[in-house]
Amino acid sequence: VRARKAWATENPEYWKRYRDENQR
């Protein structure tokens, strides 16, 4: 859980990019 939170903190734009790339 701590590792996932740390990764999410280091990659704050990931989910926005993911949603944009998968809009289709």
PDBML (XML) file of the C-alpha atoms, coordinates in Angstrom:
<?xml version="1.0" encoding="UTF-8" ?>
<PDBx:datablock datablockName="MODEL"
   xmlns:PDBx="http://pdbml.pdb.org/schema/pdbx-v50.xsd"
   xmlns:xsi="http://www.w3.org/2001/XMLSchema-instance"
   xsi:schemaLocation="http://pdbml.pdb.org/schema/pdbx-v50.xsd pdbx-v50.xsd">
   <PDBx:atom_siteCategory>
      <PDBx:atom_site id="1">
         <PDBx:B_iso_or_equiv>0.00</PDBx:B_iso_or_equiv>
         <PDBx:Cartn_x>0.000</PDBx:Cartn_x>
         <PDBx:Cartn_y>0.000</PDBx:Cartn_y>
         <PDBx:Cartn_z>0.000</PDBx:Cartn_z>
         <PDBx:auth_asym_id>A</PDBx:auth_asym_id>
         <PDBx:auth_atom_id>CA</PDBx:auth_atom_id>
         <PDBx:auth_comp_id>VAL</PDBx:auth_comp_id>
         <PDBx:auth_seq_id>1</PDBx:auth_seq_id>
         <PDBx:group_PDB>ATOM</PDBx:group_PDB>
         <PDBx:label_alt_id xsi:nil="true" />
         <PDBx:label_asym_id>A</PDBx:label_asym_id>
         <PDBx:label_atom_id>CA</PDBx:label_atom_id>
         <PDBx:label_comp_id>VAL</PDBx:label_comp_id>
         <PDBx:label_entity_id>1</PDBx:label_entity_id>
         <PDBx:label_seq_id>1</PDBx:label_seq_id>
         <PDBx:occupancy>1.00</PDBx:occupancy>
         <PDBx:pdbx_PDB_model_num>1</PDBx:pdbx_PDB_model_num>
         <PDBx:type_symbol>C</PDBx:type_symbol>
      </PDBx:atom_site>
      <PDBx:atom_site id="2">
         <PDBx:B_iso_or_equiv>0.00</PDBx:B_iso_or_equiv>
         <PDBx:Cartn_x>2.814</PDBx:Cartn_x>
         <PDBx:Cartn_y>2.422</PDBx:Cartn_y>
         <PDBx:Cartn_z>0.887</PDBx:Cartn_z>
         <PDBx:auth_asym_id>A</PDBx:auth_asym_id>
         <PDBx:auth_atom_id>CA</PDBx:auth_atom_id>
         <PDBx:auth_comp_id>ARG</PDBx:auth_comp_id>
         <PDBx:auth_seq_id>2</PDBx:auth_seq_id>
         <PDBx:group_PDB>ATOM</PDBx:group_PDB>
         <PDBx:label_alt_id xsi:nil="true" />
         <PDBx:label_asym_id>A</PDBx:label_asym_id>
         <PDBx:label_atom_id>CA</PDBx:label_atom_id>
         <PDBx:label_comp_id>ARG</PDBx:label_comp_id>
         <PDBx:label_entity_id>1</PDBx:label_entity_id>
         <PDBx:label_seq_id>2</PDBx:label_seq_id>
         <PDBx:occupancy>1.00</PDBx:occupancy>
         <PDBx:pdbx_PDB_model_num>1</PDBx:pdbx_PDB_model_num>
         <PDBx:type_symbol>C</PDBx:type_symbol>
      </PDBx:atom_site>
      <PDBx:atom_site id="3">
         <PDBx:B_iso_or_equiv>0.00</PDBx:B_iso_or_equiv>
         <PDBx:Cartn_x>4.644</PDBx:Cartn_x>
         <PDBx:Cartn_y>1.637</PDBx:Cartn_y>
         <PDBx:Cartn_z>-2.353</PDBx:Cartn_z>
         <PDBx:auth_asym_id>A</PDBx:auth_asym_id>
         <PDBx:auth_atom_id>CA</PDBx:auth_atom_id>
         <PDBx:auth_comp_id>ALA</PDBx:auth_comp_id>
         <PDBx:auth_seq_id>3</PDBx:auth_seq_id>
         <PDBx:group_PDB>ATOM</PDBx:group_PDB>
         <PDBx:label_alt_id xsi:nil="true" />
         <PDBx:label_asym_id>A</PDBx:label_asym_id>
         <PDBx:label_atom_id>CA</PDBx:label_atom_id>
         <PDBx:label_comp_id>ALA</PDBx:label_comp_id>
         <PDBx:label_entity_id>1</PDBx:label_entity_id>
         <PDBx:label_seq_id>3</PDBx:label_seq_id>
         <PDBx:occupancy>1.00</PDBx:occupancy>
         <PDBx:pdbx_PDB_model_num>1</PDBx:pdbx_PDB_model_num>
         <PDBx:type_symbol>C</PDBx:type_symbol>
      </PDBx:atom_site>
      <PDBx:atom_site id="4">
         <PDBx:B_iso_or_equiv>0.00</PDBx:B_iso_or_equiv>
         <PDBx:Cartn_x>1.502</PDBx:Cartn_x>
         <PDBx:Cartn_y>2.273</PDBx:Cartn_y>
         <PDBx:Cartn_z>-4.431</PDBx:Cartn_z>
         <PDBx:auth_asym_id>A</PDBx:auth_asym_id>
         <PDBx:auth_atom_id>CA</PDBx:auth_atom_id>
         <PDBx:auth_comp_id>ARG</PDBx:auth_comp_id>
         <PDBx:auth_seq_id>4</PDBx:auth_seq_id>
         <PDBx:group_PDB>ATOM</PDBx:group_PDB>
         <PDBx:label_alt_id xsi:nil="true" />
         <PDBx:label_asym_id>A</PDBx:label_asym_id>
         <PDBx:label_atom_id>CA</PDBx:label_atom_id>
         <PDBx:label_comp_id>ARG</PDBx:label_comp_id>
         <PDBx:label_entity_id>1</PDBx:label_entity_id>
         <PDBx:label_seq_id>4</PDBx:label_seq_id>
         <PDBx:occupancy>1.00</PDBx:occupancy>
         <PDBx:pdbx_PDB_model_num>1</PDBx:pdbx_PDB_model_num>
         <PDBx:type_symbol>C</PDBx:type_symbol>
      </PDBx:atom_site>
      <PDBx:atom_site id="5">
         <PDBx:B_iso_or_equiv>0.00</PDBx:B_iso_or_equiv>
         <PDBx:Cartn_x>0.878</PDBx:Cartn_x>
         <PDBx:Cartn_y>5.581</PDBx:Cartn_y>
         <PDBx:Cartn_z>-2.644</PDBx:Cartn_z>
         <PDBx:auth_asym_id>A</PDBx:auth_asym_id>
         <PDBx:auth_atom_id>CA</PDBx:auth_atom_id>
         <PDBx:auth_comp_id>LYS</PDBx:auth_comp_id>
         <PDBx:auth_seq_id>5</PDBx:auth_seq_id>
         <PDBx:group_PDB>ATOM</PDBx:group_PDB>
         <PDBx:label_alt_id xsi:nil="true" />
         <PDBx:label_asym_id>A</PDBx:label_asym_id>
         <PDBx:label_atom_id>CA</PDBx:label_atom_id>
         <PDBx:label_comp_id>LYS</PDBx:label_comp_id>
         <PDBx:label_entity_id>1</PDBx:label_entity_id>
         <PDBx:label_seq_id>5</PDBx:label_seq_id>
         <PDBx:occupancy>1.00</PDBx:occupancy>
         <PDBx:pdbx_PDB_model_num>1</PDBx:pdbx_PDB_model_num>
         <PDBx:type_symbol>C</PDBx:type_symbol>
      </PDBx:atom_site>
      <PDBx:atom_site id="6">
         <PDBx:B_iso_or_equiv>0.00</PDBx:B_iso_or_equiv>
         <PDBx:Cartn_x>4.496</PDBx:Cartn_x>
         <PDBx:Cartn_y>6.629</PDBx:Cartn_y>
         <PDBx:Cartn_z>-3.210</PDBx:Cartn_z>
         <PDBx:auth_asym_id>A</PDBx:auth_asym_id>
         <PDBx:auth_atom_id>CA</PDBx:auth_atom_id>
         <PDBx:auth_comp_id>ALA</PDBx:auth_comp_id>
         <PDBx:auth_seq_id>6</PDBx:auth_seq_id>
         <PDBx:group_PDB>ATOM</PDBx:group_PDB>
         <PDBx:label_alt_id xsi:nil="true" />
         <PDBx:label_asym_id>A</PDBx:label_asym_id>
         <PDBx:label_atom_id>CA</PDBx:label_atom_id>
         <PDBx:label_comp_id>ALA</PDBx:label_comp_id>
         <PDBx:label_entity_id>1</PDBx:label_entity_id>
         <PDBx:label_seq_id>6</PDBx:label_seq_id>
         <PDBx:occupancy>1.00</PDBx:occupancy>
         <PDBx:pdbx_PDB_model_num>1</PDBx:pdbx_PDB_model_num>
         <PDBx:type_symbol>C</PDBx:type_symbol>
      </PDBx:atom_site>
      <PDBx:atom_site id="7">
         <PDBx:B_iso_or_equiv>0.00</PDBx:B_iso_or_equiv>
         <PDBx:Cartn_x>4.228</PDBx:Cartn_x>
         <PDBx:Cartn_y>5.754</PDBx:Cartn_y>
         <PDBx:Cartn_z>-6.906</PDBx:Cartn_z>
         <PDBx:auth_asym_id>A</PDBx:auth_asym_id>
         <PDBx:auth_atom_id>CA</PDBx:auth_atom_id>
         <PDBx:auth_comp_id>TRP</PDBx:auth_comp_id>
         <PDBx:auth_seq_id>7</PDBx:auth_seq_id>
         <PDBx:group_PDB>ATOM</PDBx:group_PDB>
         <PDBx:label_alt_id xsi:nil="true" />
         <PDBx:label_asym_id>A</PDBx:label_asym_id>
         <PDBx:label_atom_id>CA</PDBx:label_atom_id>
         <PDBx:label_comp_id>TRP</PDBx:label_comp_id>
         <PDBx:label_entity_id>1</PDBx:label_entity_id>
         <PDBx:label_seq_id>7</PDBx:label_seq_id>
         <PDBx:occupancy>1.00</PDBx:occupancy>
         <PDBx:pdbx_PDB_model_num>1</PDBx:pdbx_PDB_model_num>
         <PDBx:type_symbol>C</PDBx:type_symbol>
      </PDBx:atom_site>
      <PDBx:atom_site id="8">
         <PDBx:B_iso_or_equiv>0.00</PDBx:B_iso_or_equiv>
         <PDBx:Cartn_x>0.968</PDBx:Cartn_x>
         <PDBx:Cartn_y>7.711</PDBx:Cartn_y>
         <PDBx:Cartn_z>-7.228</PDBx:Cartn_z>
         <PDBx:auth_asym_id>A</PDBx:auth_asym_id>
         <PDBx:auth_atom_id>CA</PDBx:auth_atom_id>
         <PDBx:auth_comp_id>ALA</PDBx:auth_comp_id>
         <PDBx:auth_seq_id>8</PDBx:auth_seq_id>
         <PDBx:group_PDB>ATOM</PDBx:group_PDB>
         <PDBx:label_alt_id xsi:nil="true" />
         <PDBx:label_asym_id>A</PDBx:label_asym_id>
         <PDBx:label_atom_id>CA</PDBx:label_atom_id>
         <PDBx:label_comp_id>ALA</PDBx:label_comp_id>
         <PDBx:label_entity_id>1</PDBx:label_entity_id>
         <PDBx:label_seq_id>8</PDBx:label_seq_id>
         <PDBx:occupancy>1.00</PDBx:occupancy>
         <PDBx:pdbx_PDB_model_num>1</PDBx:pdbx_PDB_model_num>
         <PDBx:type_symbol>C</PDBx:type_symbol>
      </PDBx:atom_site>
      <PDBx:atom_site id="9">
         <PDBx:B_iso_or_equiv>0.00</PDBx:B_iso_or_equiv>
         <PDBx:Cartn_x>2.634</PDBx:Cartn_x>
         <PDBx:Cartn_y>10.729</PDBx:Cartn_y>
         <PDBx:Cartn_z>-5.568</PDBx:Cartn_z>
         <PDBx:auth_asym_id>A</PDBx:auth_asym_id>
         <PDBx:auth_atom_id>CA</PDBx:auth_atom_id>
         <PDBx:auth_comp_id>THR</PDBx:auth_comp_id>
         <PDBx:auth_seq_id>9</PDBx:auth_seq_id>
         <PDBx:group_PDB>ATOM</PDBx:group_PDB>
         <PDBx:label_alt_id xsi:nil="true" />
         <PDBx:label_asym_id>A</PDBx:label_asym_id>
         <PDBx:label_atom_id>CA</PDBx:label_atom_id>
         <PDBx:label_comp_id>THR</PDBx:label_comp_id>
         <PDBx:label_entity_id>1</PDBx:label_entity_id>
         <PDBx:label_seq_id>9</PDBx:label_seq_id>
         <PDBx:occupancy>1.00</PDBx:occupancy>
         <PDBx:pdbx_PDB_model_num>1</PDBx:pdbx_PDB_model_num>
         <PDBx:type_symbol>C</PDBx:type_symbol>
      </PDBx:atom_site>
      <PDBx:atom_site id="10">
         <PDBx:B_iso_or_equiv>0.00</PDBx:B_iso_or_equiv>
         <PDBx:Cartn_x>5.551</PDBx:Cartn_x>
         <PDBx:Cartn_y>10.533</PDBx:Cartn_y>
         <PDBx:Cartn_z>-8.028</PDBx:Cartn_z>
         <PDBx:auth_asym_id>A</PDBx:auth_asym_id>
         <PDBx:auth_atom_id>CA</PDBx:auth_atom_id>
         <PDBx:auth_comp_id>GLU</PDBx:auth_comp_id>
         <PDBx:auth_seq_id>10</PDBx:auth_seq_id>
         <PDBx:group_PDB>ATOM</PDBx:group_PDB>
         <PDBx:label_alt_id xsi:nil="true" />
         <PDBx:label_asym_id>A</PDBx:label_asym_id>
         <PDBx:label_atom_id>CA</PDBx:label_atom_id>
         <PDBx:label_comp_id>GLU</PDBx:label_comp_id>
         <PDBx:label_entity_id>1</PDBx:label_entity_id>
         <PDBx:label_seq_id>10</PDBx:label_seq_id>
         <PDBx:occupancy>1.00</PDBx:occupancy>
         <PDBx:pdbx_PDB_model_num>1</PDBx:pdbx_PDB_model_num>
         <PDBx:type_symbol>C</PDBx:type_symbol>
      </PDBx:atom_site>
      <PDBx:atom_site id="11">
         <PDBx:B_iso_or_equiv>0.00</PDBx:B_iso_or_equiv>
         <PDBx:Cartn_x>3.211</PDBx:Cartn_x>
         <PDBx:Cartn_y>10.126</PDBx:Cartn_y>
         <PDBx:Cartn_z>-11.033</PDBx:Cartn_z>
         <PDBx:auth_asym_id>A</PDBx:auth_asym_id>
         <PDBx:auth_atom_id>CA</PDBx:auth_atom_id>
         <PDBx:auth_comp_id>ASN</PDBx:auth_comp_id>
         <PDBx:auth_seq_id>11</PDBx:auth_seq_id>
         <PDBx:group_PDB>ATOM</PDBx:group_PDB>
         <PDBx:label_alt_id xsi:nil="true" />
         <PDBx:label_asym_id>A</PDBx:label_asym_id>
         <PDBx:label_atom_id>CA</PDBx:label_atom_id>
         <PDBx:label_comp_id>ASN</PDBx:label_comp_id>
         <PDBx:label_entity_id>1</PDBx:label_entity_id>
         <PDBx:label_seq_id>11</PDBx:label_seq_id>
         <PDBx:occupancy>1.00</PDBx:occupancy>
         <PDBx:pdbx_PDB_model_num>1</PDBx:pdbx_PDB_model_num>
         <PDBx:type_symbol>C</PDBx:type_symbol>
      </PDBx:atom_site>
      <PDBx:atom_site id="12">
         <PDBx:B_iso_or_equiv>0.00</PDBx:B_iso_or_equiv>
         <PDBx:Cartn_x>0.316</PDBx:Cartn_x>
         <PDBx:Cartn_y>12.531</PDBx:Cartn_y>
         <PDBx:Cartn_z>-10.382</PDBx:Cartn_z>
         <PDBx:auth_asym_id>A</PDBx:auth_asym_id>
         <PDBx:auth_atom_id>CA</PDBx:auth_atom_id>
         <PDBx:auth_comp_id>PRO</PDBx:auth_comp_id>
         <PDBx:auth_seq_id>12</PDBx:auth_seq_id>
         <PDBx:group_PDB>ATOM</PDBx:group_PDB>
         <PDBx:label_alt_id xsi:nil="true" />
         <PDBx:label_asym_id>A</PDBx:label_asym_id>
         <PDBx:label_atom_id>CA</PDBx:label_atom_id>
         <PDBx:label_comp_id>PRO</PDBx:label_comp_id>
         <PDBx:label_entity_id>1</PDBx:label_entity_id>
         <PDBx:label_seq_id>12</PDBx:label_seq_id>
         <PDBx:occupancy>1.00</PDBx:occupancy>
         <PDBx:pdbx_PDB_model_num>1</PDBx:pdbx_PDB_model_num>
         <PDBx:type_symbol>C</PDBx:type_symbol>
      </PDBx:atom_site>
      <PDBx:atom_site id="13">
         <PDBx:B_iso_or_equiv>0.00</PDBx:B_iso_or_equiv>
         <PDBx:Cartn_x>-0.623</PDBx:Cartn_x>
         <PDBx:Cartn_y>12.911</PDBx:Cartn_y>
         <PDBx:Cartn_z>-14.067</PDBx:Cartn_z>
         <PDBx:auth_asym_id>A</PDBx:auth_asym_id>
         <PDBx:auth_atom_id>CA</PDBx:auth_atom_id>
         <PDBx:auth_comp_id>GLU</PDBx:auth_comp_id>
         <PDBx:auth_seq_id>13</PDBx:auth_seq_id>
         <PDBx:group_PDB>ATOM</PDBx:group_PDB>
         <PDBx:label_alt_id xsi:nil="true" />
         <PDBx:label_asym_id>A</PDBx:label_asym_id>
         <PDBx:label_atom_id>CA</PDBx:label_atom_id>
         <PDBx:label_comp_id>GLU</PDBx:label_comp_id>
         <PDBx:label_entity_id>1</PDBx:label_entity_id>
         <PDBx:label_seq_id>13</PDBx:label_seq_id>
         <PDBx:occupancy>1.00</PDBx:occupancy>
         <PDBx:pdbx_PDB_model_num>1</PDBx:pdbx_PDB_model_num>
         <PDBx:type_symbol>C</PDBx:type_symbol>
      </PDBx:atom_site>
      <PDBx:atom_site id="14">
         <PDBx:B_iso_or_equiv>0.00</PDBx:B_iso_or_equiv>
         <PDBx:Cartn_x>-0.789</PDBx:Cartn_x>
         <PDBx:Cartn_y>9.169</PDBx:Cartn_y>
         <PDBx:Cartn_z>-14.829</PDBx:Cartn_z>
         <PDBx:auth_asym_id>A</PDBx:auth_asym_id>
         <PDBx:auth_atom_id>CA</PDBx:auth_atom_id>
         <PDBx:auth_comp_id>TYR</PDBx:auth_comp_id>
         <PDBx:auth_seq_id>14</PDBx:auth_seq_id>
         <PDBx:group_PDB>ATOM</PDBx:group_PDB>
         <PDBx:label_alt_id xsi:nil="true" />
         <PDBx:label_asym_id>A</PDBx:label_asym_id>
         <PDBx:label_atom_id>CA</PDBx:label_atom_id>
         <PDBx:label_comp_id>TYR</PDBx:label_comp_id>
         <PDBx:label_entity_id>1</PDBx:label_entity_id>
         <PDBx:label_seq_id>14</PDBx:label_seq_id>
         <PDBx:occupancy>1.00</PDBx:occupancy>
         <PDBx:pdbx_PDB_model_num>1</PDBx:pdbx_PDB_model_num>
         <PDBx:type_symbol>C</PDBx:type_symbol>
      </PDBx:atom_site>
      <PDBx:atom_site id="15">
         <PDBx:B_iso_or_equiv>0.00</PDBx:B_iso_or_equiv>
         <PDBx:Cartn_x>-4.543</PDBx:Cartn_x>
         <PDBx:Cartn_y>8.663</PDBx:Cartn_y>
         <PDBx:Cartn_z>-14.533</PDBx:Cartn_z>
         <PDBx:auth_asym_id>A</PDBx:auth_asym_id>
         <PDBx:auth_atom_id>CA</PDBx:auth_atom_id>
         <PDBx:auth_comp_id>TRP</PDBx:auth_comp_id>
         <PDBx:auth_seq_id>15</PDBx:auth_seq_id>
         <PDBx:group_PDB>ATOM</PDBx:group_PDB>
         <PDBx:label_alt_id xsi:nil="true" />
         <PDBx:label_asym_id>A</PDBx:label_asym_id>
         <PDBx:label_atom_id>CA</PDBx:label_atom_id>
         <PDBx:label_comp_id>TRP</PDBx:label_comp_id>
         <PDBx:label_entity_id>1</PDBx:label_entity_id>
         <PDBx:label_seq_id>15</PDBx:label_seq_id>
         <PDBx:occupancy>1.00</PDBx:occupancy>
         <PDBx:pdbx_PDB_model_num>1</PDBx:pdbx_PDB_model_num>
         <PDBx:type_symbol>C</PDBx:type_symbol>
      </PDBx:atom_site>
      <PDBx:atom_site id="16">
         <PDBx:B_iso_or_equiv>0.00</PDBx:B_iso_or_equiv>
         <PDBx:Cartn_x>-5.349</PDBx:Cartn_x>
         <PDBx:Cartn_y>11.865</PDBx:Cartn_y>
         <PDBx:Cartn_z>-16.430</PDBx:Cartn_z>
         <PDBx:auth_asym_id>A</PDBx:auth_asym_id>
         <PDBx:auth_atom_id>CA</PDBx:auth_atom_id>
         <PDBx:auth_comp_id>LYS</PDBx:auth_comp_id>
         <PDBx:auth_seq_id>16</PDBx:auth_seq_id>
         <PDBx:group_PDB>ATOM</PDBx:group_PDB>
         <PDBx:label_alt_id xsi:nil="true" />
         <PDBx:label_asym_id>A</PDBx:label_asym_id>
         <PDBx:label_atom_id>CA</PDBx:label_atom_id>
         <PDBx:label_comp_id>LYS</PDBx:label_comp_id>
         <PDBx:label_entity_id>1</PDBx:label_entity_id>
         <PDBx:label_seq_id>16</PDBx:label_seq_id>
         <PDBx:occupancy>1.00</PDBx:occupancy>
         <PDBx:pdbx_PDB_model_num>1</PDBx:pdbx_PDB_model_num>
         <PDBx:type_symbol>C</PDBx:type_symbol>
      </PDBx:atom_site>
      <PDBx:atom_site id="17">
         <PDBx:B_iso_or_equiv>0.00</PDBx:B_iso_or_equiv>
         <PDBx:Cartn_x>-3.068</PDBx:Cartn_x>
         <PDBx:Cartn_y>10.737</PDBx:Cartn_y>
         <PDBx:Cartn_z>-19.283</PDBx:Cartn_z>
         <PDBx:auth_asym_id>A</PDBx:auth_asym_id>
         <PDBx:auth_atom_id>CA</PDBx:auth_atom_id>
         <PDBx:auth_comp_id>ARG</PDBx:auth_comp_id>
         <PDBx:auth_seq_id>17</PDBx:auth_seq_id>
         <PDBx:group_PDB>ATOM</PDBx:group_PDB>
         <PDBx:label_alt_id xsi:nil="true" />
         <PDBx:label_asym_id>A</PDBx:label_asym_id>
         <PDBx:label_atom_id>CA</PDBx:label_atom_id>
         <PDBx:label_comp_id>ARG</PDBx:label_comp_id>
         <PDBx:label_entity_id>1</PDBx:label_entity_id>
         <PDBx:label_seq_id>17</PDBx:label_seq_id>
         <PDBx:occupancy>1.00</PDBx:occupancy>
         <PDBx:pdbx_PDB_model_num>1</PDBx:pdbx_PDB_model_num>
         <PDBx:type_symbol>C</PDBx:type_symbol>
      </PDBx:atom_site>
      <PDBx:atom_site id="18">
         <PDBx:B_iso_or_equiv>0.00</PDBx:B_iso_or_equiv>
         <PDBx:Cartn_x>-4.547</PDBx:Cartn_x>
         <PDBx:Cartn_y>7.230</PDBx:Cartn_y>
         <PDBx:Cartn_z>-19.117</PDBx:Cartn_z>
         <PDBx:auth_asym_id>A</PDBx:auth_asym_id>
         <PDBx:auth_atom_id>CA</PDBx:auth_atom_id>
         <PDBx:auth_comp_id>TYR</PDBx:auth_comp_id>
         <PDBx:auth_seq_id>18</PDBx:auth_seq_id>
         <PDBx:group_PDB>ATOM</PDBx:group_PDB>
         <PDBx:label_alt_id xsi:nil="true" />
         <PDBx:label_asym_id>A</PDBx:label_asym_id>
         <PDBx:label_atom_id>CA</PDBx:label_atom_id>
         <PDBx:label_comp_id>TYR</PDBx:label_comp_id>
         <PDBx:label_entity_id>1</PDBx:label_entity_id>
         <PDBx:label_seq_id>18</PDBx:label_seq_id>
         <PDBx:occupancy>1.00</PDBx:occupancy>
         <PDBx:pdbx_PDB_model_num>1</PDBx:pdbx_PDB_model_num>
         <PDBx:type_symbol>C</PDBx:type_symbol>
      </PDBx:atom_site>
      <PDBx:atom_site id="19">
         <PDBx:B_iso_or_equiv>0.00</PDBx:B_iso_or_equiv>
         <PDBx:Cartn_x>-8.109</PDBx:Cartn_x>
         <PDBx:Cartn_y>8.562</PDBx:Cartn_y>
         <PDBx:Cartn_z>-19.401</PDBx:Cartn_z>
         <PDBx:auth_asym_id>A</PDBx:auth_asym_id>
         <PDBx:auth_atom_id>CA</PDBx:auth_atom_id>
         <PDBx:auth_comp_id>ARG</PDBx:auth_comp_id>
         <PDBx:auth_seq_id>19</PDBx:auth_seq_id>
         <PDBx:group_PDB>ATOM</PDBx:group_PDB>
         <PDBx:label_alt_id xsi:nil="true" />
         <PDBx:label_asym_id>A</PDBx:label_asym_id>
         <PDBx:label_atom_id>CA</PDBx:label_atom_id>
         <PDBx:label_comp_id>ARG</PDBx:label_comp_id>
         <PDBx:label_entity_id>1</PDBx:label_entity_id>
         <PDBx:label_seq_id>19</PDBx:label_seq_id>
         <PDBx:occupancy>1.00</PDBx:occupancy>
         <PDBx:pdbx_PDB_model_num>1</PDBx:pdbx_PDB_model_num>
         <PDBx:type_symbol>C</PDBx:type_symbol>
      </PDBx:atom_site>
      <PDBx:atom_site id="20">
         <PDBx:B_iso_or_equiv>0.00</PDBx:B_iso_or_equiv>
         <PDBx:Cartn_x>-7.139</PDBx:Cartn_x>
         <PDBx:Cartn_y>10.857</PDBx:Cartn_y>
         <PDBx:Cartn_z>-22.275</PDBx:Cartn_z>
         <PDBx:auth_asym_id>A</PDBx:auth_asym_id>
         <PDBx:auth_atom_id>CA</PDBx:auth_atom_id>
         <PDBx:auth_comp_id>ASP</PDBx:auth_comp_id>
         <PDBx:auth_seq_id>20</PDBx:auth_seq_id>
         <PDBx:group_PDB>ATOM</PDBx:group_PDB>
         <PDBx:label_alt_id xsi:nil="true" />
         <PDBx:label_asym_id>A</PDBx:label_asym_id>
         <PDBx:label_atom_id>CA</PDBx:label_atom_id>
         <PDBx:label_comp_id>ASP</PDBx:label_comp_id>
         <PDBx:label_entity_id>1</PDBx:label_entity_id>
         <PDBx:label_seq_id>20</PDBx:label_seq_id>
         <PDBx:occupancy>1.00</PDBx:occupancy>
         <PDBx:pdbx_PDB_model_num>1</PDBx:pdbx_PDB_model_num>
         <PDBx:type_symbol>C</PDBx:type_symbol>
      </PDBx:atom_site>
      <PDBx:atom_site id="21">
         <PDBx:B_iso_or_equiv>0.00</PDBx:B_iso_or_equiv>
         <PDBx:Cartn_x>-5.420</PDBx:Cartn_x>
         <PDBx:Cartn_y>8.031</PDBx:Cartn_y>
         <PDBx:Cartn_z>-24.160</PDBx:Cartn_z>
         <PDBx:auth_asym_id>A</PDBx:auth_asym_id>
         <PDBx:auth_atom_id>CA</PDBx:auth_atom_id>
         <PDBx:auth_comp_id>GLU</PDBx:auth_comp_id>
         <PDBx:auth_seq_id>21</PDBx:auth_seq_id>
         <PDBx:group_PDB>ATOM</PDBx:group_PDB>
         <PDBx:label_alt_id xsi:nil="true" />
         <PDBx:label_asym_id>A</PDBx:label_asym_id>
         <PDBx:label_atom_id>CA</PDBx:label_atom_id>
         <PDBx:label_comp_id>GLU</PDBx:label_comp_id>
         <PDBx:label_entity_id>1</PDBx:label_entity_id>
         <PDBx:label_seq_id>21</PDBx:label_seq_id>
         <PDBx:occupancy>1.00</PDBx:occupancy>
         <PDBx:pdbx_PDB_model_num>1</PDBx:pdbx_PDB_model_num>
         <PDBx:type_symbol>C</PDBx:type_symbol>
      </PDBx:atom_site>
      <PDBx:atom_site id="22">
         <PDBx:B_iso_or_equiv>0.00</PDBx:B_iso_or_equiv>
         <PDBx:Cartn_x>-8.387</PDBx:Cartn_x>
         <PDBx:Cartn_y>5.705</PDBx:Cartn_y>
         <PDBx:Cartn_z>-23.653</PDBx:Cartn_z>
         <PDBx:auth_asym_id>A</PDBx:auth_asym_id>
         <PDBx:auth_atom_id>CA</PDBx:auth_atom_id>
         <PDBx:auth_comp_id>ASN</PDBx:auth_comp_id>
         <PDBx:auth_seq_id>22</PDBx:auth_seq_id>
         <PDBx:group_PDB>ATOM</PDBx:group_PDB>
         <PDBx:label_alt_id xsi:nil="true" />
         <PDBx:label_asym_id>A</PDBx:label_asym_id>
         <PDBx:label_atom_id>CA</PDBx:label_atom_id>
         <PDBx:label_comp_id>ASN</PDBx:label_comp_id>
         <PDBx:label_entity_id>1</PDBx:label_entity_id>
         <PDBx:label_seq_id>22</PDBx:label_seq_id>
         <PDBx:occupancy>1.00</PDBx:occupancy>
         <PDBx:pdbx_PDB_model_num>1</PDBx:pdbx_PDB_model_num>
         <PDBx:type_symbol>C</PDBx:type_symbol>
      </PDBx:atom_site>
      <PDBx:atom_site id="23">
         <PDBx:B_iso_or_equiv>0.00</PDBx:B_iso_or_equiv>
         <PDBx:Cartn_x>-11.131</PDBx:Cartn_x>
         <PDBx:Cartn_y>8.180</PDBx:Cartn_y>
         <PDBx:Cartn_z>-24.557</PDBx:Cartn_z>
         <PDBx:auth_asym_id>A</PDBx:auth_asym_id>
         <PDBx:auth_atom_id>CA</PDBx:auth_atom_id>
         <PDBx:auth_comp_id>GLN</PDBx:auth_comp_id>
         <PDBx:auth_seq_id>23</PDBx:auth_seq_id>
         <PDBx:group_PDB>ATOM</PDBx:group_PDB>
         <PDBx:label_alt_id xsi:nil="true" />
         <PDBx:label_asym_id>A</PDBx:label_asym_id>
         <PDBx:label_atom_id>CA</PDBx:label_atom_id>
         <PDBx:label_comp_id>GLN</PDBx:label_comp_id>
         <PDBx:label_entity_id>1</PDBx:label_entity_id>
         <PDBx:label_seq_id>23</PDBx:label_seq_id>
         <PDBx:occupancy>1.00</PDBx:occupancy>
         <PDBx:pdbx_PDB_model_num>1</PDBx:pdbx_PDB_model_num>
         <PDBx:type_symbol>C</PDBx:type_symbol>
      </PDBx:atom_site>
      <PDBx:atom_site id="24">
         <PDBx:B_iso_or_equiv>0.00</PDBx:B_iso_or_equiv>
         <PDBx:Cartn_x>-12.015</PDBx:Cartn_x>
         <PDBx:Cartn_y>6.096</PDBx:Cartn_y>
         <PDBx:Cartn_z>-27.621</PDBx:Cartn_z>
         <PDBx:auth_asym_id>A</PDBx:auth_asym_id>
         <PDBx:auth_atom_id>CA</PDBx:auth_atom_id>
         <PDBx:auth_comp_id>ARG</PDBx:auth_comp_id>
         <PDBx:auth_seq_id>24</PDBx:auth_seq_id>
         <PDBx:group_PDB>ATOM</PDBx:group_PDB>
         <PDBx:label_alt_id xsi:nil="true" />
         <PDBx:label_asym_id>A</PDBx:label_asym_id>
         <PDBx:label_atom_id>CA</PDBx:label_atom_id>
         <PDBx:label_comp_id>ARG</PDBx:label_comp_id>
         <PDBx:label_entity_id>1</PDBx:label_entity_id>
         <PDBx:label_seq_id>24</PDBx:label_seq_id>
         <PDBx:occupancy>1.00</PDBx:occupancy>
         <PDBx:pdbx_PDB_model_num>1</PDBx:pdbx_PDB_model_num>
         <PDBx:type_symbol>C</PDBx:type_symbol>
      </PDBx:atom_site>
   </PDBx:atom_siteCategory>
</PDBx:datablock>
